N, C-alpha and C. Protein backbone atom coordinates (compact mmCIF):
# COMPACT_ATOMS: atom_id res chain seq x y z
N MET A 1 34.27 -24.76 -10.54
CA MET A 1 35.62 -24.77 -10.73
C MET A 1 35.78 -26.32 -10.91
N ALA A 2 37.10 -26.64 -11.89
CA ALA A 2 37.36 -27.91 -12.51
C ALA A 2 38.79 -28.04 -12.39
N LEU A 3 39.58 -29.18 -11.82
CA LEU A 3 40.96 -29.29 -11.96
C LEU A 3 41.55 -29.60 -13.25
N ASN A 4 40.51 -30.46 -13.95
CA ASN A 4 41.21 -30.78 -15.54
C ASN A 4 42.70 -31.26 -15.63
N LEU A 5 43.09 -32.08 -14.46
CA LEU A 5 44.37 -32.47 -14.33
C LEU A 5 44.37 -34.19 -14.40
N PRO A 6 45.15 -34.79 -15.19
CA PRO A 6 45.37 -36.31 -15.34
C PRO A 6 44.86 -37.02 -13.60
N ALA A 7 44.74 -37.80 -13.43
CA ALA A 7 44.16 -38.67 -12.30
C ALA A 7 45.55 -39.02 -11.52
N GLU A 8 46.75 -39.38 -12.25
CA GLU A 8 47.87 -39.75 -11.21
C GLU A 8 48.30 -38.50 -11.08
N THR A 9 48.02 -36.97 -11.41
CA THR A 9 48.85 -35.87 -11.25
C THR A 9 48.38 -35.13 -10.24
N VAL A 10 46.76 -35.93 -9.78
CA VAL A 10 45.72 -35.19 -8.60
C VAL A 10 46.81 -35.74 -7.06
N ASP A 11 47.13 -34.53 -6.64
CA ASP A 11 47.82 -34.97 -5.01
C ASP A 11 46.97 -34.58 -3.90
N ARG A 12 47.18 -34.64 -2.80
CA ARG A 12 46.18 -34.99 -1.56
C ARG A 12 45.42 -33.08 -1.28
N GLY A 13 46.92 -32.18 -1.77
CA GLY A 13 46.61 -30.88 -1.48
C GLY A 13 45.50 -29.96 -2.53
N ASP A 14 45.35 -30.70 -3.75
CA ASP A 14 44.90 -30.10 -5.11
C ASP A 14 42.94 -30.86 -4.58
N LEU A 15 42.82 -31.98 -3.85
CA LEU A 15 41.62 -32.29 -3.86
C LEU A 15 41.51 -31.40 -2.17
N GLU A 16 41.76 -31.05 -1.27
CA GLU A 16 41.23 -30.36 0.16
C GLU A 16 41.10 -29.13 -0.71
N ARG A 17 41.75 -28.80 -1.64
CA ARG A 17 41.81 -27.11 -2.19
C ARG A 17 40.29 -27.18 -2.72
N TYR A 18 40.44 -28.00 -3.54
CA TYR A 18 38.69 -28.37 -4.58
C TYR A 18 37.72 -28.68 -3.56
N SER A 19 37.86 -29.09 -2.61
CA SER A 19 36.48 -29.45 -1.47
C SER A 19 36.38 -28.11 -1.15
N LYS A 20 37.53 -27.37 -0.42
CA LYS A 20 36.93 -26.05 0.25
C LYS A 20 36.61 -24.94 -0.86
N SER A 21 36.93 -24.91 -2.13
CA SER A 21 36.26 -24.29 -3.15
C SER A 21 34.88 -24.71 -3.27
N ARG A 22 34.54 -26.12 -3.35
CA ARG A 22 33.40 -26.32 -3.55
C ARG A 22 32.29 -26.26 -2.27
N SER A 23 33.01 -26.16 -1.16
CA SER A 23 32.13 -25.68 -0.27
C SER A 23 31.65 -24.17 -0.25
N VAL A 24 32.36 -23.33 -0.56
CA VAL A 24 32.22 -22.00 -0.54
C VAL A 24 31.37 -21.54 -1.44
N PHE A 25 31.06 -22.38 -2.49
CA PHE A 25 30.25 -22.01 -3.80
C PHE A 25 29.24 -22.50 -3.37
N THR A 26 28.98 -23.78 -2.65
CA THR A 26 27.56 -24.35 -2.48
C THR A 26 26.98 -23.15 -1.59
N THR A 27 27.66 -23.03 -0.45
CA THR A 27 27.49 -21.60 0.57
C THR A 27 26.11 -20.75 -0.62
N VAL A 28 27.39 -20.56 -1.12
CA VAL A 28 26.76 -18.87 -1.73
C VAL A 28 26.19 -19.50 -2.87
N ARG A 29 25.54 -20.27 -3.65
CA ARG A 29 24.45 -20.74 -3.82
C ARG A 29 23.25 -21.02 -3.60
N ASP A 30 23.24 -21.37 -2.01
CA ASP A 30 22.39 -22.16 -1.39
C ASP A 30 21.74 -20.43 -0.97
N PHE A 31 22.93 -19.49 -0.48
CA PHE A 31 22.21 -18.27 -0.15
C PHE A 31 20.98 -17.29 -1.36
N PHE A 32 21.30 -17.63 -2.18
CA PHE A 32 21.03 -17.06 -3.46
C PHE A 32 20.08 -17.98 -3.86
N CYS A 33 19.83 -19.11 -3.64
CA CYS A 33 18.73 -19.97 -3.70
C CYS A 33 17.73 -19.47 -3.41
N ALA A 34 17.65 -19.34 -1.64
CA ALA A 34 17.27 -19.02 -0.02
C ALA A 34 15.99 -17.84 -0.50
N ILE A 35 17.03 -16.61 -1.32
CA ILE A 35 16.31 -15.14 -1.51
C ILE A 35 15.70 -15.08 -2.57
N SER A 36 15.91 -15.86 -3.46
CA SER A 36 15.18 -15.55 -4.62
C SER A 36 14.38 -17.08 -5.26
N ASP A 37 13.82 -17.50 -3.99
CA ASP A 37 13.08 -18.91 -4.22
C ASP A 37 13.76 -20.35 -5.23
N GLY A 38 14.68 -20.18 -4.79
CA GLY A 38 15.59 -21.44 -5.78
C GLY A 38 15.66 -20.89 -7.15
N ARG A 39 15.53 -19.89 -7.72
CA ARG A 39 15.52 -19.67 -8.92
C ARG A 39 17.14 -19.07 -8.72
N GLU A 40 18.34 -19.90 -9.91
CA GLU A 40 19.20 -18.98 -9.98
C GLU A 40 19.42 -18.22 -11.40
N VAL A 41 19.64 -17.00 -10.79
CA VAL A 41 19.08 -16.13 -12.46
C VAL A 41 19.96 -15.66 -13.32
N ASN A 42 21.27 -15.64 -12.36
CA ASN A 42 22.61 -16.34 -13.07
C ASN A 42 22.64 -16.88 -14.69
N ARG A 43 21.67 -17.95 -14.45
CA ARG A 43 22.05 -19.26 -14.93
C ARG A 43 20.72 -19.71 -15.97
N LEU A 44 19.98 -18.50 -16.31
CA LEU A 44 19.05 -18.53 -17.50
C LEU A 44 19.36 -18.44 -18.66
N ALA A 45 18.62 -19.09 -19.32
CA ALA A 45 18.73 -18.95 -21.02
C ALA A 45 17.99 -18.16 -21.18
N LYS A 46 18.02 -17.61 -22.63
CA LYS A 46 17.01 -16.57 -23.10
C LYS A 46 15.75 -16.34 -22.65
N PRO A 47 14.86 -17.81 -23.23
CA PRO A 47 13.93 -17.14 -22.90
C PRO A 47 12.93 -17.26 -21.70
N GLU A 48 13.89 -17.72 -20.93
CA GLU A 48 13.52 -17.62 -19.22
C GLU A 48 13.90 -15.93 -19.04
N LYS A 49 15.04 -15.72 -19.42
CA LYS A 49 15.26 -14.24 -19.10
C LYS A 49 14.11 -13.27 -19.73
N ILE A 50 13.37 -13.41 -20.87
CA ILE A 50 12.24 -12.65 -21.37
C ILE A 50 11.15 -13.23 -20.20
N ALA A 51 10.99 -14.50 -19.86
CA ALA A 51 9.97 -14.84 -18.81
C ALA A 51 9.90 -13.90 -17.56
N VAL A 52 11.33 -13.99 -16.70
CA VAL A 52 11.16 -13.39 -15.99
C VAL A 52 10.99 -11.54 -16.19
N VAL A 53 11.42 -10.83 -17.76
CA VAL A 53 11.49 -9.55 -18.03
C VAL A 53 9.31 -9.68 -17.36
N ASP A 54 8.98 -10.19 -17.95
CA ASP A 54 7.84 -10.51 -18.21
C ASP A 54 7.05 -10.28 -16.84
N GLU A 55 7.38 -11.30 -16.11
CA GLU A 55 6.80 -11.15 -14.75
C GLU A 55 7.19 -10.17 -14.03
N PHE A 56 8.54 -9.34 -13.72
CA PHE A 56 8.79 -8.73 -13.02
C PHE A 56 7.99 -7.26 -13.28
N LYS A 57 7.41 -7.41 -14.94
CA LYS A 57 6.70 -6.22 -15.49
C LYS A 57 5.01 -6.34 -14.74
N GLN A 58 4.87 -7.60 -14.75
CA GLN A 58 3.58 -7.37 -14.54
C GLN A 58 3.18 -7.70 -13.04
N GLU A 59 4.25 -7.74 -12.22
CA GLU A 59 4.52 -7.61 -10.63
C GLU A 59 4.43 -6.00 -10.40
N LEU A 60 4.97 -5.47 -11.13
CA LEU A 60 4.88 -4.05 -11.07
C LEU A 60 3.56 -3.34 -11.64
N LYS A 61 2.68 -4.01 -12.67
CA LYS A 61 1.37 -3.50 -12.90
C LYS A 61 0.45 -3.76 -11.85
N ASP A 62 0.76 -4.78 -10.74
CA ASP A 62 -0.22 -5.81 -9.74
C ASP A 62 0.07 -4.91 -9.22
N CYS A 63 0.88 -4.03 -8.22
CA CYS A 63 0.93 -3.66 -6.91
C CYS A 63 1.14 -2.03 -7.14
N GLN A 64 0.67 -1.55 -6.12
CA GLN A 64 0.66 -0.33 -5.84
C GLN A 64 1.84 0.50 -5.62
N ILE A 65 2.84 -0.22 -4.90
CA ILE A 65 4.17 0.25 -4.51
C ILE A 65 5.62 -1.40 -4.85
N ALA A 66 6.39 -0.96 -5.14
CA ALA A 66 7.46 -1.61 -5.28
C ALA A 66 8.60 -1.18 -4.86
N ILE A 67 9.27 -1.90 -3.80
CA ILE A 67 10.63 -1.42 -3.23
C ILE A 67 11.70 -1.64 -3.58
N ALA A 68 12.59 -1.19 -4.11
CA ALA A 68 14.22 -1.96 -4.31
C ALA A 68 14.90 -1.78 -3.05
N THR A 69 15.46 -2.89 -2.64
CA THR A 69 16.19 -3.04 -1.06
C THR A 69 16.98 -3.99 -1.54
N GLN A 70 18.42 -3.08 -1.17
CA GLN A 70 19.51 -3.71 -1.40
C GLN A 70 19.99 -4.48 -0.30
N TYR A 71 20.80 -5.81 -0.14
CA TYR A 71 21.25 -6.63 0.94
C TYR A 71 22.50 -6.71 0.74
N ILE A 72 23.22 -6.73 1.67
CA ILE A 72 24.73 -7.41 1.39
C ILE A 72 24.89 -7.97 2.94
N GLY A 73 25.98 -8.89 2.82
CA GLY A 73 26.34 -9.62 3.74
C GLY A 73 25.52 -10.33 4.91
N ILE A 74 24.20 -10.23 4.88
CA ILE A 74 23.05 -10.67 5.26
C ILE A 74 23.05 -12.43 5.03
N ASN A 75 22.91 -13.05 6.54
CA ASN A 75 22.81 -14.58 6.20
C ASN A 75 21.05 -14.99 5.49
N VAL A 76 21.02 -16.45 5.83
CA VAL A 76 19.82 -16.81 5.26
C VAL A 76 18.58 -16.85 6.32
N ALA A 77 19.19 -16.95 7.39
CA ALA A 77 18.28 -16.96 8.54
C ALA A 77 17.36 -15.54 8.84
N ARG A 78 18.56 -14.33 8.28
CA ARG A 78 18.15 -13.38 8.54
C ARG A 78 16.64 -13.16 7.43
N VAL A 79 17.40 -13.11 6.15
CA VAL A 79 16.29 -13.40 5.07
C VAL A 79 15.14 -13.88 5.18
N THR A 80 15.18 -15.08 5.65
CA THR A 80 13.85 -16.04 5.84
C THR A 80 13.22 -15.58 7.12
N GLU A 81 13.81 -14.58 8.03
CA GLU A 81 12.63 -13.62 8.77
C GLU A 81 12.04 -12.64 8.27
N LEU A 82 12.87 -12.20 7.51
CA LEU A 82 12.34 -11.02 7.17
C LEU A 82 11.39 -11.23 5.70
N ARG A 83 11.59 -12.30 5.16
CA ARG A 83 10.48 -12.46 4.53
C ARG A 83 9.14 -13.39 4.89
N LYS A 84 9.38 -13.49 6.09
CA LYS A 84 8.26 -14.40 6.56
C LYS A 84 7.61 -12.99 7.15
N GLN A 85 7.86 -12.00 7.61
CA GLN A 85 7.52 -10.51 8.32
C GLN A 85 6.56 -9.72 7.25
N LEU A 86 7.36 -10.10 5.82
CA LEU A 86 6.46 -9.34 4.73
C LEU A 86 5.26 -10.08 4.23
N ARG A 87 5.63 -11.46 4.30
CA ARG A 87 4.29 -12.55 3.82
C ARG A 87 3.66 -12.10 4.93
N GLU A 88 3.48 -12.24 5.61
CA GLU A 88 2.38 -12.26 6.89
C GLU A 88 1.63 -11.00 6.87
N ALA A 89 2.10 -9.65 5.87
CA ALA A 89 2.01 -8.35 5.69
C ALA A 89 1.20 -8.65 4.28
N GLY A 90 1.37 -9.52 3.83
CA GLY A 90 0.76 -9.47 2.32
C GLY A 90 2.11 -8.82 1.20
N VAL A 91 3.16 -9.23 1.37
CA VAL A 91 3.79 -8.04 0.59
C VAL A 91 4.93 -9.20 -0.13
N LYS A 92 5.10 -8.78 -1.16
CA LYS A 92 5.67 -10.45 -1.83
C LYS A 92 7.35 -9.62 -2.05
N MET A 93 8.34 -10.74 -1.86
CA MET A 93 9.49 -10.00 -1.67
C MET A 93 10.40 -11.41 -3.05
N LYS A 94 11.37 -10.63 -4.02
CA LYS A 94 11.96 -11.41 -4.42
C LYS A 94 13.11 -10.58 -5.29
N VAL A 95 13.79 -11.64 -5.72
CA VAL A 95 15.33 -11.24 -6.05
C VAL A 95 15.07 -11.24 -7.65
N TYR A 96 15.53 -10.47 -8.63
CA TYR A 96 15.98 -10.12 -9.93
C TYR A 96 17.16 -9.63 -10.33
N LYS A 97 17.76 -10.14 -11.54
CA LYS A 97 18.64 -9.86 -11.63
C LYS A 97 18.63 -8.72 -12.34
N ASN A 98 19.65 -7.44 -11.93
CA ASN A 98 19.17 -5.98 -12.14
C ASN A 98 19.48 -5.68 -13.44
N THR A 99 19.77 -6.44 -14.18
CA THR A 99 19.72 -6.02 -15.77
C THR A 99 18.47 -6.61 -16.03
N LEU A 100 18.40 -7.52 -16.05
CA LEU A 100 16.99 -7.88 -16.24
C LEU A 100 15.48 -7.18 -15.72
N ALA A 101 15.69 -6.89 -14.16
CA ALA A 101 14.63 -5.71 -14.03
C ALA A 101 15.08 -4.25 -14.57
N ARG A 102 16.24 -3.98 -14.98
CA ARG A 102 16.37 -2.51 -15.92
C ARG A 102 15.29 -2.85 -16.93
N ARG A 103 15.55 -3.91 -18.01
CA ARG A 103 15.31 -4.01 -19.00
C ARG A 103 13.64 -4.16 -18.71
N ALA A 104 13.11 -4.96 -17.64
CA ALA A 104 11.43 -4.22 -17.32
C ALA A 104 11.01 -2.82 -17.21
N LEU A 105 12.25 -2.07 -16.65
CA LEU A 105 11.80 -0.70 -16.46
C LEU A 105 11.95 -0.11 -17.10
N ASP A 106 13.27 -0.22 -18.34
CA ASP A 106 12.80 0.50 -19.26
C ASP A 106 11.61 0.39 -20.42
N GLU A 107 10.92 -1.26 -20.10
CA GLU A 107 9.92 -1.34 -21.40
C GLU A 107 8.41 -0.86 -20.56
N LEU A 108 8.52 -0.27 -19.40
CA LEU A 108 7.36 0.40 -18.59
C LEU A 108 7.66 1.87 -18.83
N GLU A 109 8.61 2.20 -19.30
CA GLU A 109 9.18 4.00 -19.37
C GLU A 109 9.31 4.23 -17.90
N LEU A 110 9.83 3.52 -17.29
CA LEU A 110 10.65 3.85 -15.99
C LEU A 110 12.04 3.57 -15.66
N GLY A 111 12.73 3.98 -16.68
CA GLY A 111 13.73 3.74 -16.71
C GLY A 111 14.64 4.32 -16.10
N ASP A 112 14.34 5.31 -15.35
CA ASP A 112 14.91 6.38 -14.50
C ASP A 112 14.98 5.97 -12.71
N VAL A 113 14.18 4.64 -12.82
CA VAL A 113 14.22 3.64 -11.55
C VAL A 113 15.21 2.87 -11.31
N ALA A 114 15.71 2.36 -12.47
CA ALA A 114 16.76 2.02 -12.66
C ALA A 114 18.19 1.94 -12.02
N ASP A 115 17.95 3.63 -11.50
CA ASP A 115 19.25 3.93 -10.85
C ASP A 115 19.32 3.71 -9.51
N VAL A 116 18.09 3.07 -8.96
CA VAL A 116 18.17 3.07 -7.67
C VAL A 116 18.79 0.98 -7.44
N MET A 117 19.14 0.92 -8.50
CA MET A 117 19.71 -0.52 -7.93
C MET A 117 21.03 -0.20 -7.70
N GLU A 118 21.59 -1.14 -7.02
CA GLU A 118 23.26 -0.86 -6.78
C GLU A 118 23.64 -2.11 -6.18
N GLY A 119 24.30 -3.36 -6.48
CA GLY A 119 24.51 -4.34 -6.05
C GLY A 119 23.07 -5.37 -6.31
N PRO A 120 23.69 -6.60 -5.36
CA PRO A 120 22.42 -7.30 -4.94
C PRO A 120 20.95 -6.55 -4.47
N THR A 121 19.60 -6.86 -5.44
CA THR A 121 18.55 -6.29 -4.90
C THR A 121 17.56 -7.29 -5.07
N ALA A 122 16.84 -7.15 -3.93
CA ALA A 122 15.55 -7.60 -3.83
C ALA A 122 14.65 -6.87 -3.68
N TRP A 123 13.45 -7.26 -4.61
CA TRP A 123 11.94 -6.22 -4.93
C TRP A 123 11.10 -6.84 -3.65
N ALA A 124 10.67 -5.75 -3.22
CA ALA A 124 9.07 -6.11 -2.24
C ALA A 124 7.78 -5.49 -3.17
N PHE A 125 6.61 -6.35 -3.52
CA PHE A 125 5.69 -5.42 -3.79
C PHE A 125 4.31 -5.66 -3.03
N SER A 126 3.53 -4.75 -3.06
CA SER A 126 2.24 -4.83 -2.41
C SER A 126 1.26 -3.56 -2.70
N ASN A 127 0.18 -3.80 -2.37
CA ASN A 127 -1.09 -2.77 -2.35
C ASN A 127 -1.04 -2.15 -1.19
N ASP A 128 -0.31 -2.52 -0.22
CA ASP A 128 -0.50 -1.30 0.57
C ASP A 128 0.72 -0.82 0.99
N PRO A 129 1.11 0.17 0.59
CA PRO A 129 2.24 1.42 0.37
C PRO A 129 2.89 1.55 1.76
N VAL A 130 2.55 1.52 3.12
CA VAL A 130 2.79 1.88 3.93
C VAL A 130 3.51 0.60 4.75
N ALA A 131 2.88 -0.85 4.23
CA ALA A 131 3.35 -1.99 5.31
C ALA A 131 4.53 -2.48 4.88
N PRO A 132 5.19 -2.54 3.71
CA PRO A 132 6.21 -2.54 3.16
C PRO A 132 7.42 -1.73 3.90
N ALA A 133 7.53 -0.44 3.73
CA ALA A 133 8.52 0.44 3.59
C ALA A 133 8.48 -0.11 5.33
N LYS A 134 7.31 0.17 6.45
CA LYS A 134 7.59 0.09 7.80
C LYS A 134 8.20 -1.39 8.07
N ILE A 135 8.07 -2.44 7.48
CA ILE A 135 8.79 -3.80 7.82
C ILE A 135 10.09 -3.26 7.72
N LEU A 136 10.33 -2.77 6.71
CA LEU A 136 11.84 -3.07 5.83
C LEU A 136 12.33 -1.78 6.52
N LYS A 137 11.73 -0.94 7.26
CA LYS A 137 12.96 0.09 7.75
C LYS A 137 12.87 -0.43 9.23
N ASP A 138 12.18 -1.12 9.67
CA ASP A 138 12.33 -1.24 10.94
C ASP A 138 13.38 -2.30 10.88
N PHE A 139 13.53 -3.48 10.09
CA PHE A 139 14.22 -4.51 9.84
C PHE A 139 15.67 -4.05 9.59
N ALA A 140 15.78 -2.84 9.10
CA ALA A 140 17.20 -2.01 9.25
C ALA A 140 17.84 -1.83 10.19
N LYS A 141 16.77 -1.36 11.16
CA LYS A 141 17.55 -0.70 12.70
C LYS A 141 18.05 -1.95 13.11
N GLU A 142 17.99 -3.40 12.70
CA GLU A 142 18.28 -4.14 13.30
C GLU A 142 19.49 -5.29 12.67
N SER A 143 19.39 -4.67 11.64
CA SER A 143 20.09 -5.46 10.31
C SER A 143 20.65 -4.19 9.57
N ASP A 144 21.74 -3.72 9.26
CA ASP A 144 22.59 -2.79 8.72
C ASP A 144 22.71 -3.27 6.94
N PHE A 145 22.58 -4.78 7.01
CA PHE A 145 22.68 -5.28 5.68
C PHE A 145 21.37 -5.17 4.83
N VAL A 146 20.91 -4.68 5.21
CA VAL A 146 19.27 -3.83 4.33
C VAL A 146 18.93 -2.97 4.76
N LYS A 147 18.62 -2.19 3.24
CA LYS A 147 18.53 -0.88 3.11
C LYS A 147 17.68 -0.55 2.27
N MET A 148 16.37 0.13 1.82
CA MET A 148 16.09 0.59 1.01
C MET A 148 16.17 1.71 0.41
N ARG A 149 16.36 1.57 -1.00
CA ARG A 149 17.04 2.22 -1.98
C ARG A 149 16.18 2.99 -2.86
N GLY A 150 14.78 2.46 -2.80
CA GLY A 150 13.83 3.40 -3.77
C GLY A 150 12.72 2.48 -4.18
N GLY A 151 11.98 3.12 -5.31
CA GLY A 151 11.42 2.07 -5.96
C GLY A 151 10.28 2.82 -6.70
N VAL A 152 9.20 2.23 -6.72
CA VAL A 152 7.95 2.57 -7.92
C VAL A 152 6.60 2.89 -6.88
N LEU A 153 5.55 4.06 -6.76
CA LEU A 153 5.11 3.83 -6.32
C LEU A 153 3.68 4.22 -7.47
N GLU A 154 2.90 3.36 -7.39
CA GLU A 154 1.86 4.01 -8.44
C GLU A 154 2.36 4.59 -9.52
N GLY A 155 3.31 3.68 -10.61
CA GLY A 155 3.48 4.51 -11.60
C GLY A 155 4.80 5.46 -11.76
N LYS A 156 5.01 6.06 -10.20
CA LYS A 156 6.32 6.94 -10.50
C LYS A 156 7.04 6.74 -9.16
N LYS A 157 8.17 7.14 -9.72
CA LYS A 157 9.70 6.79 -8.74
C LYS A 157 9.63 7.37 -7.49
N ILE A 158 9.98 6.75 -6.50
CA ILE A 158 9.86 7.12 -5.19
C ILE A 158 11.38 7.17 -4.89
N SER A 159 11.74 8.00 -3.84
CA SER A 159 13.23 7.90 -3.14
C SER A 159 13.25 7.31 -1.74
N THR A 160 14.33 7.17 -1.55
CA THR A 160 14.37 6.93 0.18
C THR A 160 13.58 7.47 0.72
N ASP A 161 13.78 8.93 0.85
CA ASP A 161 13.44 9.93 1.75
C ASP A 161 11.74 9.77 1.61
N GLN A 162 11.49 9.44 0.81
CA GLN A 162 9.74 9.56 0.51
C GLN A 162 9.50 7.93 0.91
N LEU A 163 10.22 7.20 1.18
CA LEU A 163 10.15 5.64 1.61
C LEU A 163 10.05 6.01 3.40
N ASN A 164 11.06 6.24 3.57
CA ASN A 164 10.84 6.63 5.08
C ASN A 164 9.79 7.60 5.90
N ALA A 165 9.16 8.59 5.08
CA ALA A 165 8.65 9.33 5.19
C ALA A 165 6.93 8.37 4.98
N LEU A 166 6.89 7.47 4.16
CA LEU A 166 5.36 6.33 4.40
C LEU A 166 5.67 5.38 5.34
N ALA A 167 6.89 5.43 5.90
CA ALA A 167 7.56 4.21 6.88
C ALA A 167 6.70 4.62 8.01
N SER A 168 6.71 6.07 8.56
CA SER A 168 6.26 6.79 9.48
C SER A 168 4.98 7.47 9.54
N LEU A 169 4.03 6.76 8.24
CA LEU A 169 2.94 7.02 8.42
C LEU A 169 1.72 5.91 9.34
N PRO A 170 0.67 5.95 10.15
CA PRO A 170 -0.22 4.80 10.76
C PRO A 170 -0.15 3.86 9.67
N SER A 171 -0.35 2.65 10.08
CA SER A 171 -0.49 1.09 9.37
C SER A 171 -2.43 1.34 8.87
N ARG A 172 -2.02 0.98 7.71
CA ARG A 172 -3.90 0.77 6.88
C ARG A 172 -4.74 0.26 7.71
N GLU A 173 -4.49 -0.68 8.74
CA GLU A 173 -5.66 -0.65 9.97
C GLU A 173 -5.52 0.54 10.22
N VAL A 174 -5.05 1.03 11.15
CA VAL A 174 -5.06 2.47 12.26
C VAL A 174 -6.07 3.82 11.28
N LEU A 175 -5.36 3.95 10.13
CA LEU A 175 -6.11 4.74 8.79
C LEU A 175 -7.37 4.32 8.69
N LEU A 176 -7.63 2.91 8.13
CA LEU A 176 -8.94 2.70 7.95
C LEU A 176 -10.07 3.44 9.46
N SER A 177 -9.26 2.52 10.59
CA SER A 177 -10.36 2.90 11.52
C SER A 177 -10.52 4.16 11.92
N GLN A 178 -9.17 5.27 11.60
CA GLN A 178 -9.57 6.34 11.86
C GLN A 178 -10.49 7.32 10.71
N LEU A 179 -10.18 6.70 9.59
CA LEU A 179 -11.49 7.27 8.38
C LEU A 179 -12.82 6.59 8.69
N VAL A 180 -13.00 5.61 9.21
CA VAL A 180 -14.37 5.36 9.84
C VAL A 180 -14.74 6.07 11.35
N GLY A 181 -14.14 6.14 11.88
CA GLY A 181 -14.20 7.30 13.47
C GLY A 181 -14.85 8.94 12.65
N THR A 182 -13.81 8.84 11.80
CA THR A 182 -14.29 10.63 10.69
C THR A 182 -15.79 10.25 10.32
N VAL A 183 -16.01 9.49 9.60
CA VAL A 183 -17.12 9.29 9.10
C VAL A 183 -18.62 9.16 10.02
N ALA A 184 -17.98 8.46 10.66
CA ALA A 184 -19.11 7.75 11.61
C ALA A 184 -19.59 9.15 12.63
N ALA A 185 -19.36 10.02 13.05
CA ALA A 185 -18.96 11.12 13.85
C ALA A 185 -20.36 12.14 12.91
N PRO A 186 -20.52 12.33 11.97
CA PRO A 186 -21.20 12.95 11.16
C PRO A 186 -22.68 12.10 11.12
N LEU A 187 -22.40 11.22 10.94
CA LEU A 187 -23.32 10.11 10.52
C LEU A 187 -24.61 9.98 12.02
N ARG A 188 -23.24 9.77 12.93
CA ARG A 188 -24.33 10.08 14.24
C ARG A 188 -24.94 11.05 14.22
N ASN A 189 -24.45 12.21 14.09
CA ASN A 189 -24.96 13.65 14.27
C ASN A 189 -26.35 13.23 13.29
N LEU A 190 -26.13 13.09 12.06
CA LEU A 190 -27.44 13.07 11.49
C LEU A 190 -28.54 12.04 11.48
N VAL A 191 -28.54 11.12 12.04
CA VAL A 191 -29.25 10.01 12.74
C VAL A 191 -29.91 10.46 13.92
N GLY A 192 -29.35 11.53 14.84
CA GLY A 192 -29.80 12.07 15.67
C GLY A 192 -30.70 13.02 15.36
N THR A 193 -30.15 13.87 14.38
CA THR A 193 -31.29 15.15 13.85
C THR A 193 -32.76 14.39 13.05
N LEU A 194 -32.36 12.85 12.27
CA LEU A 194 -33.53 12.46 11.74
C LEU A 194 -34.62 12.20 12.86
N ASN A 195 -33.43 11.34 14.25
CA ASN A 195 -34.64 10.92 15.10
C ASN A 195 -35.26 12.16 15.87
N ALA A 196 -34.91 13.24 15.92
CA ALA A 196 -35.12 14.33 16.32
C ALA A 196 -36.56 14.89 15.39
N VAL A 197 -36.70 14.92 14.38
CA VAL A 197 -37.61 15.21 13.47
C VAL A 197 -39.14 14.60 13.67
N PRO A 198 -39.31 13.35 13.78
CA PRO A 198 -40.42 12.37 14.48
C PRO A 198 -41.16 13.23 15.88
N ARG A 199 -39.73 12.87 16.58
CA ARG A 199 -40.37 13.61 18.03
C ARG A 199 -40.92 14.94 17.85
N ASN A 200 -40.17 15.90 17.41
CA ASN A 200 -40.70 17.30 17.53
C ASN A 200 -42.01 17.64 16.59
N LEU A 201 -42.00 16.41 15.69
CA LEU A 201 -43.34 16.98 14.28
C LEU A 201 -44.59 16.54 15.46
N VAL A 202 -44.44 15.52 16.47
CA VAL A 202 -45.55 14.55 17.20
C VAL A 202 -45.71 15.57 18.12
N ASN A 203 -45.01 16.54 18.60
CA ASN A 203 -44.86 17.65 19.67
C ASN A 203 -45.60 18.80 19.32
N VAL A 204 -45.71 19.20 17.59
CA VAL A 204 -46.42 20.33 16.76
C VAL A 204 -47.72 19.57 16.71
N LEU A 205 -48.00 18.29 16.29
CA LEU A 205 -49.41 18.16 15.75
C LEU A 205 -49.75 18.16 17.93
N ASP A 206 -49.13 17.38 18.52
CA ASP A 206 -49.95 17.28 19.77
C ASP A 206 -50.07 18.84 20.20
N GLN A 207 -49.56 19.53 20.01
CA GLN A 207 -50.23 21.49 20.03
C GLN A 207 -51.51 21.81 19.46
N VAL A 208 -51.32 20.88 18.20
CA VAL A 208 -52.72 21.42 17.65
C VAL A 208 -53.60 20.88 17.82
N ARG A 209 -53.35 19.82 18.14
CA ARG A 209 -54.64 18.95 18.88
C ARG A 209 -55.27 19.68 20.05
N LYS A 210 -54.38 20.41 21.07
CA LYS A 210 -54.81 20.78 22.16
C LYS A 210 -55.24 22.30 21.88
N GLN A 211 -54.54 22.69 20.70
CA GLN A 211 -55.49 24.02 20.33
C GLN A 211 -57.02 23.75 19.92
N LYS A 212 -56.89 22.94 19.20
CA LYS A 212 -58.67 22.33 18.71
C LYS A 212 -59.15 22.33 19.23
N GLU A 213 -58.88 21.60 20.52
CA GLU A 213 -59.84 20.81 21.63
C GLU A 213 -60.46 22.07 22.30
N GLU A 214 -59.62 23.29 22.61
CA GLU A 214 -59.63 24.41 23.74
C GLU A 214 -60.71 25.02 23.18
N GLY A 215 -60.02 25.42 21.71
CA GLY A 215 -61.11 26.21 20.87
C GLY A 215 -62.71 25.49 20.78
N ALA A 216 -62.88 24.12 20.38
CA ALA A 216 -64.03 23.98 20.73
C ALA A 216 -64.79 23.65 21.83
N ALA A 217 -64.19 23.80 22.99
CA ALA A 217 -64.69 24.01 24.28
C ALA A 217 -65.07 25.13 24.50
N ALA A 218 -64.56 25.93 24.32
CA ALA A 218 -64.80 27.42 24.18
C ALA A 218 -66.07 28.12 23.47
């Protein structure tokens, strides 16, 4: 905002109003910088926009799941806490301008996914399909400002209901432990069987030896 008035015509009221408007602008700017890693996406030049589209496409290619998350009215402190939880789970979160994300989705023939973007949208990328859905769903219970809108799972569109279903699944660690337990049980049985074979063979050989000795004595 600029006053564009000669110095002699600027009164105290004008200066106060200008100062307040600057304060509001600075607050909004700081919020968007915090959630988008310092990048002011609305001010990108064309080459930078192309780079952002390419970056978004690569993120989609490199992950198993990408979740579009709507955030409205959330403060910087809560955003920081959410990013911390996601980062600790190996989930990357970043804001992309909807028009640029839509272009990237179109180029990947995922144009129908663009429908999930409504208002400010942050994307969570992960190779663990369950972790980000769990974190975002739990976080939404404490903050109505964050909502999962949908996304992409292994190259296919996924709905909010499907994301909630994913969030209800056991964590990756629990699933792995269950899998190990399932695999280990038959392996233990197999080891027991294999161990029994030599013991049984020894018993058979011992019986044969005894029979031969008895036959020789007779």
